[in-house]
Each structure stands twice: as C-alpha cells, then as structure tokens.
C-alpha cells in the first residue's frame, strides 16, 4: 500500500463566515471517499516551516484586508519563506480569498510570493467576492475535495 499523502490547509478565518469556509474546505478534503490523504488544518500562527516542508500539497485561505492578504498570512510567509524555499519547489497549491471587494491585490500578492517559492498553482484561485453568500461554503468544500482527490490520484 502506498504511503498516505499529506494535504495541509492553512487559513486565516477571523469571523463566523470565514470559519464556515475553512471548515468546508476541511470537510471536502476529508471526504470519506478519499482514503490515502491525511488532512492537516492549521491557522497561520500555528504553522511552522516543518509543516509546510512535510506537505505534499497546500490550500491557503485568507481574507482580503485593505486590498492585501491578511497580516497573519503574510506573517506565515515571512516566517517560513527561507526555511521552505529550497525544500518545496514544485509544491502543488491552491488558495481561496474571502474578498469584500475584488480580491485582485490579495491574489497578486499570493501569486508573487508563491512564484518566489516555486510553488505550482494547480487550480484557479477561488475568490469569494462581495457580500457573503451561502454558495461560498459549497465552493470551498469543492476546492478541498478537488485538491484531495487530485493528490490521491496522482494528478498533482
């Protein structure tokens, strides 16, 4: 039997609605049909370089704050960047943004930092724009499921 792969989900979820989104990503990734993927869910401050270096794929979640990623997500990159840069080249990842506006600056910033890390974006960013909608929950669950299924099947 193959070794289980590790999907790391890191999200800043400061509100009830962003917590629901985070839990939906975890739920999708933990679908009972996915047998060979271990899901680890962390908050940015609880994430260490070793967590990232041991992952086979990552999903990042952030709020849009003043047209940028959440400060705690930026802190995560600041703390872990140089400890991960030589160990995570080609790491498959996806991300979602809870954007009160358009998410453009947040998306650009995450893509720029992940490019410096040589991570591989394997799915278009999920940008949940404007007033909160219940469909954001379904979209987040689909994101988690798609990443876990792709990781298990070897697509990513």
N, C-alpha and C. Protein backbone atom coordinates (compact mmCIF):
# COMPACT_ATOMS: atom_id res chain seq x y z
N UNK A 1 0.84 -1.20 0.00
CA UNK A 1 0.00 0.00 0.00
C UNK A 1 0.88 1.25 0.00
N UNK A 2 0.48 2.22 -0.79
CA UNK A 2 1.23 3.45 -0.86
C UNK A 2 1.10 4.24 0.44
N UNK A 3 2.14 5.01 0.72
CA UNK A 3 2.13 5.91 1.88
C UNK A 3 1.07 6.99 1.65
N UNK A 4 0.36 7.35 2.72
CA UNK A 4 -0.62 8.43 2.61
C UNK A 4 0.08 9.74 2.31
N UNK A 5 -0.57 10.56 1.51
CA UNK A 5 -0.06 11.88 1.20
C UNK A 5 -0.68 12.88 2.17
N UNK A 6 0.03 13.99 2.36
CA UNK A 6 -0.42 15.00 3.32
C UNK A 6 -0.88 16.26 2.60
N UNK A 7 -2.13 16.63 2.86
CA UNK A 7 -2.69 17.87 2.37
C UNK A 7 -2.78 18.83 3.56
N UNK A 8 -2.06 19.92 3.47
CA UNK A 8 -2.03 20.93 4.53
C UNK A 8 -2.96 22.08 4.14
N UNK A 9 -3.89 22.40 5.04
CA UNK A 9 -4.81 23.51 4.84
C UNK A 9 -4.47 24.56 5.89
N UNK A 10 -4.13 25.74 5.43
CA UNK A 10 -3.77 26.84 6.33
C UNK A 10 -4.72 27.99 6.01
N UNK A 11 -5.45 28.45 7.02
CA UNK A 11 -6.39 29.53 6.75
C UNK A 11 -6.51 30.50 7.92
N UNK A 12 -6.62 31.76 7.55
CA UNK A 12 -6.96 32.82 8.50
C UNK A 12 -8.47 32.98 8.40
N UNK A 13 -9.15 32.69 9.50
CA UNK A 13 -10.62 32.70 9.49
C UNK A 13 -11.14 33.42 10.73
N UNK A 14 -11.12 34.75 10.71
CA UNK A 14 -11.44 35.52 11.91
C UNK A 14 -12.93 35.70 12.23
N UNK A 15 -13.81 35.34 11.31
CA UNK A 15 -15.25 35.56 11.54
C UNK A 15 -16.00 34.23 11.46
N UNK A 16 -17.26 34.27 11.85
CA UNK A 16 -18.09 33.06 11.74
C UNK A 16 -18.16 32.57 10.30
N UNK A 17 -18.34 33.49 9.36
CA UNK A 17 -18.46 33.10 7.95
C UNK A 17 -17.15 32.53 7.41
N UNK A 18 -16.02 33.12 7.76
CA UNK A 18 -14.75 32.58 7.27
C UNK A 18 -14.42 31.26 7.97
N UNK A 19 -14.88 31.07 9.19
CA UNK A 19 -14.74 29.77 9.87
C UNK A 19 -15.54 28.71 9.13
N UNK A 20 -16.74 29.06 8.70
CA UNK A 20 -17.57 28.12 7.92
C UNK A 20 -16.86 27.73 6.62
N UNK A 21 -16.21 28.70 5.99
CA UNK A 21 -15.49 28.42 4.75
C UNK A 21 -14.31 27.49 5.02
N UNK A 22 -13.55 27.77 6.06
CA UNK A 22 -12.40 26.94 6.46
C UNK A 22 -12.86 25.52 6.75
N UNK A 23 -13.93 25.38 7.52
CA UNK A 23 -14.44 24.05 7.85
C UNK A 23 -14.95 23.33 6.60
N UNK A 24 -15.50 24.06 5.65
CA UNK A 24 -15.97 23.45 4.40
C UNK A 24 -14.80 22.91 3.59
N UNK A 25 -13.69 23.64 3.54
CA UNK A 25 -12.50 23.14 2.83
C UNK A 25 -12.02 21.85 3.50
N UNK A 26 -11.97 21.86 4.82
CA UNK A 26 -11.54 20.67 5.57
C UNK A 26 -12.49 19.51 5.31
N UNK A 27 -13.77 19.78 5.35
CA UNK A 27 -14.78 18.75 5.12
C UNK A 27 -14.64 18.13 3.72
N UNK A 28 -14.48 18.97 2.72
CA UNK A 28 -14.30 18.46 1.35
C UNK A 28 -13.05 17.61 1.22
N UNK A 29 -11.97 18.09 1.81
CA UNK A 29 -10.70 17.36 1.72
C UNK A 29 -10.74 16.06 2.51
N UNK A 30 -11.60 15.99 3.51
CA UNK A 30 -11.70 14.81 4.38
C UNK A 30 -12.82 13.87 3.94
N UNK A 31 -13.32 14.05 2.75
CA UNK A 31 -14.40 13.21 2.22
C UNK A 31 -14.06 11.74 2.43
N UNK A 32 -15.04 10.97 2.85
CA UNK A 32 -14.81 9.56 3.15
C UNK A 32 -14.35 8.74 1.96
N UNK A 33 -14.58 9.22 0.76
CA UNK A 33 -14.11 8.52 -0.44
C UNK A 33 -12.60 8.66 -0.64
N UNK A 34 -12.00 9.63 -0.01
CA UNK A 34 -10.56 9.87 -0.10
C UNK A 34 -9.89 9.08 1.02
N UNK A 35 -9.15 8.04 0.65
CA UNK A 35 -8.59 7.15 1.67
C UNK A 35 -7.10 7.34 1.91
N UNK A 36 -6.39 7.87 0.96
CA UNK A 36 -4.93 7.91 1.08
C UNK A 36 -4.37 9.33 1.21
N UNK A 37 -5.15 10.20 1.81
CA UNK A 37 -4.71 11.57 2.05
C UNK A 37 -5.00 11.91 3.51
N UNK A 38 -3.97 12.31 4.22
CA UNK A 38 -4.13 12.84 5.58
C UNK A 38 -4.28 14.35 5.47
N UNK A 39 -5.29 14.89 6.10
CA UNK A 39 -5.55 16.32 6.08
C UNK A 39 -5.10 16.92 7.41
N UNK A 40 -4.28 17.95 7.32
CA UNK A 40 -3.87 18.70 8.49
C UNK A 40 -4.34 20.13 8.29
N UNK A 41 -5.08 20.66 9.25
CA UNK A 41 -5.60 22.03 9.17
C UNK A 41 -4.99 22.86 10.28
N UNK A 42 -4.42 24.00 9.90
CA UNK A 42 -3.76 24.88 10.84
C UNK A 42 -4.14 26.33 10.59
N UNK A 43 -3.96 27.14 11.63
CA UNK A 43 -4.06 28.58 11.46
C UNK A 43 -2.65 29.10 11.15
N UNK A 44 -2.55 30.28 10.55
CA UNK A 44 -1.22 30.78 10.19
C UNK A 44 -0.21 30.82 11.34
N UNK A 45 -0.64 31.32 12.52
CA UNK A 45 0.30 31.41 13.64
C UNK A 45 0.71 30.05 14.18
N UNK A 46 -0.08 29.03 13.92
CA UNK A 46 0.25 27.68 14.37
C UNK A 46 1.05 26.88 13.37
N UNK A 47 1.38 27.47 12.25
CA UNK A 47 2.09 26.77 11.18
C UNK A 47 3.57 27.06 11.25
N UNK A 48 4.37 26.00 11.17
CA UNK A 48 5.82 26.10 11.19
C UNK A 48 6.38 25.65 9.84
N UNK A 49 7.62 26.01 9.52
CA UNK A 49 8.21 25.57 8.26
C UNK A 49 8.15 24.05 8.08
N UNK A 50 8.31 23.30 9.16
CA UNK A 50 8.27 21.84 9.06
C UNK A 50 6.92 21.34 8.57
N UNK A 51 5.86 22.03 8.94
CA UNK A 51 4.52 21.64 8.46
C UNK A 51 4.44 21.78 6.95
N UNK A 52 4.95 22.88 6.45
CA UNK A 52 4.93 23.12 5.00
C UNK A 52 5.87 22.16 4.29
N UNK A 53 7.07 21.98 4.83
CA UNK A 53 8.06 21.12 4.18
C UNK A 53 7.62 19.66 4.12
N UNK A 54 6.75 19.24 5.02
CA UNK A 54 6.30 17.84 5.03
C UNK A 54 5.01 17.63 4.23
N UNK A 55 4.45 18.69 3.68
CA UNK A 55 3.20 18.58 2.93
C UNK A 55 3.45 18.16 1.48
N UNK A 56 2.48 17.42 0.95
CA UNK A 56 2.51 17.06 -0.47
C UNK A 56 1.71 18.05 -1.31
N UNK A 57 0.85 18.83 -0.66
CA UNK A 57 0.07 19.88 -1.32
C UNK A 57 -0.49 20.79 -0.22
N UNK A 58 -0.82 22.02 -0.61
CA UNK A 58 -1.31 23.02 0.34
C UNK A 58 -2.51 23.76 -0.24
N UNK A 59 -3.45 24.06 0.65
CA UNK A 59 -4.52 25.01 0.35
C UNK A 59 -4.37 26.16 1.35
N UNK A 60 -4.30 27.37 0.83
CA UNK A 60 -4.24 28.57 1.67
C UNK A 60 -5.58 29.29 1.62
N UNK A 61 -5.98 29.84 2.76
CA UNK A 61 -7.19 30.64 2.81
C UNK A 61 -6.90 31.94 3.53
N UNK A 62 -7.42 33.03 3.00
CA UNK A 62 -7.20 34.33 3.63
C UNK A 62 -8.38 35.25 3.38
N UNK A 63 -8.46 36.22 4.23
CA UNK A 63 -9.37 37.32 3.98
C UNK A 63 -8.62 38.38 3.19
N UNK A 64 -9.37 39.23 2.53
CA UNK A 64 -8.80 40.40 1.87
C UNK A 64 -8.83 41.54 2.89
N UNK A 65 -7.67 42.04 3.24
CA UNK A 65 -7.59 43.14 4.21
C UNK A 65 -6.90 44.33 3.55
N UNK A 66 -7.66 45.39 3.36
CA UNK A 66 -7.13 46.60 2.73
C UNK A 66 -6.48 46.30 1.38
N UNK A 67 -7.11 45.44 0.61
CA UNK A 67 -6.61 45.10 -0.72
C UNK A 67 -5.42 44.17 -0.72
N UNK A 68 -5.16 43.48 0.40
CA UNK A 68 -3.99 42.60 0.53
C UNK A 68 -4.39 41.38 1.34
N UNK A 69 -3.51 40.41 1.40
CA UNK A 69 -3.78 39.23 2.23
C UNK A 69 -3.79 39.63 3.71
N UNK A 70 -4.40 38.79 4.53
CA UNK A 70 -4.41 39.03 5.97
C UNK A 70 -2.99 39.11 6.49
N UNK A 71 -2.77 39.98 7.47
CA UNK A 71 -1.43 40.14 8.05
C UNK A 71 -0.86 38.85 8.59
N UNK A 72 -1.71 37.99 9.15
CA UNK A 72 -1.20 36.73 9.70
C UNK A 72 -0.76 35.76 8.60
N UNK A 73 -1.37 35.85 7.42
CA UNK A 73 -0.92 35.03 6.29
C UNK A 73 0.42 35.57 5.79
N UNK A 74 0.55 36.89 5.72
CA UNK A 74 1.84 37.48 5.35
C UNK A 74 2.92 37.10 6.36
N UNK A 75 2.57 37.12 7.65
CA UNK A 75 3.50 36.70 8.70
C UNK A 75 3.95 35.25 8.48
N UNK A 76 3.01 34.39 8.09
CA UNK A 76 3.35 32.99 7.79
C UNK A 76 4.42 32.92 6.71
N UNK A 77 4.21 33.64 5.63
CA UNK A 77 5.22 33.67 4.56
C UNK A 77 6.53 34.25 5.06
N UNK A 78 6.48 35.33 5.82
CA UNK A 78 7.71 35.94 6.34
C UNK A 78 8.50 34.96 7.21
N UNK A 79 7.82 34.22 8.07
CA UNK A 79 8.50 33.30 8.98
C UNK A 79 9.02 32.03 8.31
N UNK A 80 8.32 31.60 7.27
CA UNK A 80 8.61 30.28 6.70
C UNK A 80 9.35 30.32 5.36
N UNK A 81 9.32 31.43 4.69
CA UNK A 81 9.84 31.53 3.31
C UNK A 81 11.22 30.91 3.14
N UNK A 82 12.21 31.39 3.88
CA UNK A 82 13.58 30.95 3.65
C UNK A 82 13.84 29.54 4.15
N UNK A 83 13.02 29.05 5.09
CA UNK A 83 13.15 27.67 5.54
C UNK A 83 12.48 26.68 4.60
N UNK A 84 11.69 27.20 3.67
CA UNK A 84 10.95 26.33 2.75
C UNK A 84 11.43 26.44 1.30
N UNK A 85 12.09 27.52 0.97
CA UNK A 85 12.36 27.83 -0.43
C UNK A 85 13.11 26.71 -1.17
N UNK A 86 14.05 26.07 -0.53
CA UNK A 86 14.82 25.02 -1.19
C UNK A 86 14.21 23.64 -1.04
N UNK A 87 13.15 23.53 -0.25
CA UNK A 87 12.58 22.22 0.05
C UNK A 87 11.20 22.00 -0.57
N UNK A 88 10.59 23.04 -1.09
CA UNK A 88 9.20 22.91 -1.56
C UNK A 88 9.01 23.28 -3.03
N UNK A 89 10.07 23.29 -3.79
CA UNK A 89 9.96 23.63 -5.21
C UNK A 89 8.97 22.68 -5.89
N UNK A 90 8.05 23.26 -6.63
CA UNK A 90 7.04 22.47 -7.34
C UNK A 90 5.87 22.03 -6.48
N UNK A 91 5.80 22.49 -5.23
CA UNK A 91 4.72 22.09 -4.32
C UNK A 91 3.37 22.52 -4.90
N UNK A 92 2.47 21.57 -5.12
CA UNK A 92 1.14 21.93 -5.63
C UNK A 92 0.36 22.70 -4.56
N UNK A 93 -0.30 23.76 -4.96
CA UNK A 93 -1.11 24.51 -4.02
C UNK A 93 -2.28 25.18 -4.72
N UNK A 94 -3.25 25.54 -3.90
CA UNK A 94 -4.40 26.32 -4.35
C UNK A 94 -4.72 27.29 -3.21
N UNK A 95 -5.52 28.29 -3.52
CA UNK A 95 -5.91 29.20 -2.45
C UNK A 95 -7.29 29.79 -2.70
N UNK A 96 -7.86 30.25 -1.59
CA UNK A 96 -9.14 30.94 -1.67
C UNK A 96 -9.05 32.23 -0.87
N UNK A 97 -9.85 33.20 -1.31
CA UNK A 97 -9.87 34.53 -0.70
C UNK A 97 -11.31 34.91 -0.39
N UNK A 98 -11.53 35.33 0.82
CA UNK A 98 -12.82 35.94 1.18
C UNK A 98 -12.65 37.43 0.99
N UNK A 99 -13.12 37.91 -0.16
CA UNK A 99 -12.86 39.28 -0.58
C UNK A 99 -14.11 40.14 -0.43
N UNK A 100 -14.01 41.17 0.38
CA UNK A 100 -15.10 42.13 0.48
C UNK A 100 -15.19 43.00 -0.75
N UNK A 101 -14.07 43.15 -1.44
CA UNK A 101 -14.03 43.94 -2.67
C UNK A 101 -13.79 42.99 -3.85
N UNK A 102 -12.66 43.13 -4.55
CA UNK A 102 -12.46 42.28 -5.73
C UNK A 102 -11.38 41.22 -5.57
N UNK A 103 -10.55 41.30 -4.54
CA UNK A 103 -9.53 40.28 -4.30
C UNK A 103 -8.30 40.37 -5.17
N UNK A 104 -8.25 41.36 -6.05
CA UNK A 104 -7.15 41.46 -7.02
C UNK A 104 -5.78 41.60 -6.35
N UNK A 105 -5.64 42.53 -5.42
CA UNK A 105 -4.35 42.75 -4.77
C UNK A 105 -3.92 41.54 -3.96
N UNK A 106 -4.86 40.90 -3.28
CA UNK A 106 -4.56 39.71 -2.50
C UNK A 106 -4.10 38.58 -3.40
N UNK A 107 -4.80 38.38 -4.48
CA UNK A 107 -4.45 37.33 -5.45
C UNK A 107 -3.06 37.58 -6.03
N UNK A 108 -2.79 38.80 -6.42
CA UNK A 108 -1.49 39.16 -6.99
C UNK A 108 -0.36 38.90 -5.98
N UNK A 109 -0.58 39.27 -4.72
CA UNK A 109 0.44 39.09 -3.69
C UNK A 109 0.74 37.61 -3.44
N UNK A 110 -0.29 36.80 -3.33
CA UNK A 110 -0.08 35.37 -3.10
C UNK A 110 0.62 34.73 -4.29
N UNK A 111 0.22 35.08 -5.49
CA UNK A 111 0.87 34.53 -6.67
C UNK A 111 2.34 34.94 -6.72
N UNK A 112 2.64 36.17 -6.35
CA UNK A 112 4.03 36.65 -6.38
C UNK A 112 4.91 35.90 -5.38
N UNK A 113 4.44 35.77 -4.15
CA UNK A 113 5.22 35.07 -3.13
C UNK A 113 5.37 33.59 -3.48
N UNK A 114 4.29 32.97 -3.93
CA UNK A 114 4.37 31.55 -4.27
C UNK A 114 5.26 31.31 -5.49
N UNK A 115 5.32 32.26 -6.39
CA UNK A 115 6.24 32.15 -7.52
C UNK A 115 7.68 32.17 -7.03
N UNK A 116 7.97 33.03 -6.06
CA UNK A 116 9.31 33.07 -5.48
C UNK A 116 9.68 31.76 -4.81
N UNK A 117 8.68 31.08 -4.25
CA UNK A 117 8.90 29.77 -3.63
C UNK A 117 8.93 28.65 -4.66
N UNK A 118 8.59 28.96 -5.90
CA UNK A 118 8.49 27.97 -6.99
C UNK A 118 7.40 26.95 -6.73
N UNK A 119 6.32 27.38 -6.06
CA UNK A 119 5.17 26.51 -5.89
C UNK A 119 4.37 26.47 -7.18
N UNK A 120 3.59 25.41 -7.36
CA UNK A 120 2.81 25.22 -8.57
C UNK A 120 1.32 25.42 -8.27
N UNK A 121 0.75 26.48 -8.79
CA UNK A 121 -0.68 26.73 -8.64
C UNK A 121 -1.43 25.73 -9.53
N UNK A 122 -2.23 24.86 -8.92
CA UNK A 122 -2.85 23.77 -9.67
C UNK A 122 -4.33 23.98 -9.94
N UNK A 123 -4.86 25.09 -9.45
CA UNK A 123 -6.26 25.40 -9.67
C UNK A 123 -6.42 26.91 -9.63
N UNK A 124 -7.32 27.43 -10.44
CA UNK A 124 -7.57 28.87 -10.39
C UNK A 124 -7.96 29.27 -8.98
N UNK A 125 -7.50 30.43 -8.53
CA UNK A 125 -7.88 30.89 -7.19
C UNK A 125 -9.40 31.01 -7.06
N UNK A 126 -9.90 30.63 -5.91
CA UNK A 126 -11.31 30.81 -5.59
C UNK A 126 -11.42 32.14 -4.87
N UNK A 127 -12.07 33.10 -5.52
CA UNK A 127 -12.23 34.42 -4.92
C UNK A 127 -13.72 34.63 -4.64
N UNK A 128 -14.06 34.62 -3.37
CA UNK A 128 -15.44 34.78 -2.92
C UNK A 128 -15.67 36.25 -2.63
N UNK A 129 -16.25 36.95 -3.62
CA UNK A 129 -16.35 38.41 -3.61
C UNK A 129 -17.68 38.92 -3.05
N UNK A 130 -17.59 40.13 -2.50
CA UNK A 130 -18.80 40.86 -2.12
C UNK A 130 -19.44 40.34 -0.85
N UNK A 131 -20.72 40.61 -0.73
CA UNK A 131 -21.49 40.19 0.44
C UNK A 131 -21.44 38.66 0.55
N UNK A 132 -21.37 38.16 1.79
CA UNK A 132 -21.28 36.71 2.00
C UNK A 132 -22.49 36.00 1.40
N UNK A 133 -22.20 34.89 0.70
CA UNK A 133 -23.24 34.07 0.09
C UNK A 133 -23.03 32.62 0.52
N UNK A 134 -24.11 31.91 0.74
CA UNK A 134 -24.02 30.51 1.16
C UNK A 134 -23.28 29.66 0.12
N UNK A 135 -23.31 30.05 -1.14
CA UNK A 135 -22.61 29.27 -2.17
C UNK A 135 -21.10 29.25 -1.93
N UNK A 136 -20.58 30.21 -1.19
CA UNK A 136 -19.15 30.20 -0.86
C UNK A 136 -18.78 28.91 -0.11
N UNK A 137 -19.69 28.44 0.73
CA UNK A 137 -19.46 27.22 1.50
C UNK A 137 -19.29 26.03 0.55
N UNK A 138 -20.20 25.90 -0.40
CA UNK A 138 -20.13 24.81 -1.37
C UNK A 138 -18.86 24.90 -2.21
N UNK A 139 -18.50 26.10 -2.62
CA UNK A 139 -17.29 26.29 -3.42
C UNK A 139 -16.04 25.88 -2.63
N UNK A 140 -16.02 26.21 -1.36
CA UNK A 140 -14.87 25.84 -0.52
C UNK A 140 -14.80 24.33 -0.33
N UNK A 141 -15.95 23.71 -0.14
CA UNK A 141 -15.96 22.25 0.00
C UNK A 141 -15.47 21.59 -1.28
N UNK A 142 -15.90 22.09 -2.42
CA UNK A 142 -15.44 21.57 -3.71
C UNK A 142 -13.93 21.74 -3.87
N UNK A 143 -13.41 22.87 -3.43
CA UNK A 143 -11.96 23.11 -3.50
C UNK A 143 -11.21 22.06 -2.70
N UNK A 144 -11.65 21.82 -1.46
CA UNK A 144 -10.99 20.81 -0.62
C UNK A 144 -11.07 19.42 -1.24
N UNK A 145 -12.23 19.06 -1.74
CA UNK A 145 -12.42 17.75 -2.35
C UNK A 145 -11.56 17.60 -3.60
N UNK A 146 -11.55 18.60 -4.45
CA UNK A 146 -10.77 18.54 -5.69
C UNK A 146 -9.27 18.38 -5.40
N UNK A 147 -8.78 19.13 -4.43
CA UNK A 147 -7.36 19.03 -4.10
C UNK A 147 -7.02 17.66 -3.53
N UNK A 148 -7.84 17.16 -2.61
CA UNK A 148 -7.56 15.86 -2.00
C UNK A 148 -7.67 14.74 -3.04
N UNK A 149 -8.69 14.78 -3.88
CA UNK A 149 -8.86 13.75 -4.91
C UNK A 149 -7.72 13.78 -5.92
N UNK A 150 -7.30 14.98 -6.30
CA UNK A 150 -6.19 15.12 -7.24
C UNK A 150 -4.89 14.62 -6.65
N UNK A 151 -4.69 14.90 -5.37
CA UNK A 151 -3.48 14.44 -4.68
C UNK A 151 -3.50 12.93 -4.57
N UNK A 152 -4.62 12.36 -4.18
CA UNK A 152 -4.72 10.90 -4.03
C UNK A 152 -4.50 10.18 -5.36
N UNK A 153 -5.04 10.73 -6.43
CA UNK A 153 -4.95 10.07 -7.74
C UNK A 153 -3.61 10.30 -8.44
N UNK A 154 -2.80 11.20 -7.90
CA UNK A 154 -1.51 11.47 -8.52
C UNK A 154 -1.54 12.51 -9.62
N UNK A 155 -2.68 13.17 -9.79
CA UNK A 155 -2.79 14.22 -10.80
C UNK A 155 -1.90 15.40 -10.44
N UNK A 156 -1.81 15.67 -9.15
CA UNK A 156 -0.93 16.76 -8.68
C UNK A 156 0.16 16.17 -7.80
